[in-house]
Amino acid sequence: CALDITMDYIGGKWKSVILWYLIEKPLRFGELKKLIPDITEKMLSLQLKTLEKYKIIKRKAYSTVPPKVVYSYTKEGQGLIPVVKALAKWGRQQGEKYGKVEIKKIK
């Protein structure tokens, strides 16, 4: 199923959140960490490396002191921006409709 492939790329707790914040502008690691305070530095690093491996985002290092690294969408990854926006819109609608959306485990 094609959706399985997509979810392998962007699924999980943090990838979609990272992709959401990168829509507006390229961000540094520390900026992403401030925007997503519940993620650990180790997990953020792992998720960024995974998204980079999948060629959804790119990492650009600048030879400055202190070193500067910026993350942004690749050309290929930019195709996901409408998808991420649509998912956020749907979630916002659910939140407005039902208040806080509760996640219930299916038995």
Protein backbone atom coordinates (compact mmCIF):
# COMPACT_ATOMS: atom_id res chain seq x y z
CA CYS A 1 0.00 0.00 0.00
CA ALA A 2 1.36 3.41 -0.96
CA LEU A 3 0.16 4.89 2.32
CA ASP A 4 2.41 2.44 4.19
CA ILE A 5 5.38 3.82 2.30
CA THR A 6 4.41 7.40 3.13
CA MET A 7 3.95 6.59 6.81
CA ASP A 8 7.35 4.88 6.89
CA TYR A 9 8.79 8.21 5.80
CA ILE A 10 6.83 10.63 7.99
CA GLY A 11 5.08 8.49 10.60
CA GLY A 12 5.81 8.38 14.28
CA LYS A 13 5.49 10.89 17.03
CA TRP A 14 8.04 13.49 15.94
CA LYS A 15 8.74 13.51 12.20
CA SER A 16 5.52 15.27 11.24
CA VAL A 17 6.04 17.86 13.98
CA ILE A 18 9.56 18.59 12.74
CA LEU A 19 8.28 18.86 9.18
CA TRP A 20 5.56 21.25 10.33
CA TYR A 21 8.05 23.68 11.85
CA LEU A 22 10.34 23.56 8.83
CA ILE A 23 7.54 24.72 6.50
CA GLU A 24 8.00 28.40 7.38
CA LYS A 25 11.79 28.61 7.20
CA PRO A 26 15.01 26.65 7.66
CA LEU A 27 15.82 26.13 11.34
CA ARG A 28 18.82 25.28 13.48
CA PHE A 29 18.85 22.31 15.84
CA GLY A 30 18.44 24.55 18.90
CA GLU A 31 15.51 26.39 17.33
CA LEU A 32 13.73 23.09 16.65
CA LYS A 33 14.42 21.93 20.21
CA LYS A 34 12.83 25.12 21.61
CA LEU A 35 9.78 24.68 19.37
CA ILE A 36 9.40 21.03 20.43
CA PRO A 37 10.28 21.06 24.15
CA ASP A 38 9.00 17.52 24.83
CA ILE A 39 11.49 15.88 22.46
CA THR A 40 14.88 14.85 23.80
CA GLU A 41 18.01 16.04 22.01
CA LYS A 42 18.89 12.45 21.19
CA MET A 43 15.46 11.80 19.64
CA LEU A 44 15.53 15.08 17.70
CA SER A 45 18.95 14.20 16.33
CA LEU A 46 17.77 10.70 15.36
CA GLN A 47 14.62 11.99 13.64
CA LEU A 48 16.56 14.65 11.72
CA LYS A 49 19.06 12.04 10.54
CA THR A 50 16.23 9.77 9.42
CA LEU A 51 14.46 12.55 7.51
CA GLU A 52 17.79 13.47 5.93
CA LYS A 53 18.44 9.83 4.98
CA TYR A 54 15.03 9.75 3.26
CA LYS A 55 16.00 12.95 1.38
CA ILE A 56 13.03 14.86 2.82
CA ILE A 57 15.20 17.43 4.56
CA LYS A 58 18.76 18.56 4.08
CA ARG A 59 21.40 19.60 6.57
CA LYS A 60 23.60 22.52 5.64
CA ALA A 61 26.69 23.20 7.73
CA TYR A 62 28.32 26.62 7.69
CA SER A 63 31.99 26.98 8.58
CA THR A 64 31.54 29.69 11.16
CA VAL A 65 32.56 30.02 14.78
CA PRO A 66 30.56 28.65 16.46
CA PRO A 67 29.57 26.14 13.78
CA LYS A 68 26.11 26.68 12.32
CA VAL A 69 23.91 23.88 10.96
CA VAL A 70 20.54 24.58 9.36
CA TYR A 71 17.82 22.10 8.40
CA SER A 72 15.38 22.69 5.54
CA TYR A 73 13.24 20.82 3.04
CA THR A 74 14.82 19.31 -0.05
CA LYS A 75 13.15 19.83 -3.43
CA GLU A 76 11.79 16.30 -3.15
CA GLY A 77 10.62 16.88 0.42
CA GLN A 78 8.73 20.03 -0.52
CA GLY A 79 6.13 17.76 -2.12
CA LEU A 80 5.13 16.78 1.42
CA ILE A 81 4.32 20.35 2.50
CA PRO A 82 0.70 20.24 1.21
CA VAL A 83 0.27 16.84 2.89
CA VAL A 84 1.58 18.11 6.24
CA LYS A 85 -0.64 21.20 5.97
CA ALA A 86 -3.68 19.04 5.15
CA LEU A 87 -3.02 16.77 8.15
CA ALA A 88 -2.68 19.82 10.40
CA LYS A 89 -5.91 21.30 9.02
CA TRP A 90 -7.79 18.07 9.68
CA GLY A 91 -6.41 17.90 13.22
CA ARG A 92 -7.36 21.52 13.87
CA GLN A 93 -10.92 20.81 12.65
CA GLN A 94 -11.18 17.80 14.92
CA GLY A 95 -9.92 19.84 17.86
CA GLU A 96 -12.46 22.59 17.19
CA LYS A 97 -15.26 20.11 16.72
CA TYR A 98 -14.59 17.90 19.73
CA GLY A 99 -12.40 20.01 21.97
CA LYS A 100 -9.25 18.24 23.01
CA VAL A 101 -8.84 15.17 20.84
CA GLU A 102 -8.35 12.09 22.98
CA ILE A 103 -6.43 9.14 21.70
CA LYS A 104 -8.05 5.89 22.78
CA LYS A 105 -6.40 2.53 22.48
CA ILE A 106 -8.33 -0.02 20.47
CA LYS A 107 -8.67 -3.35 22.23
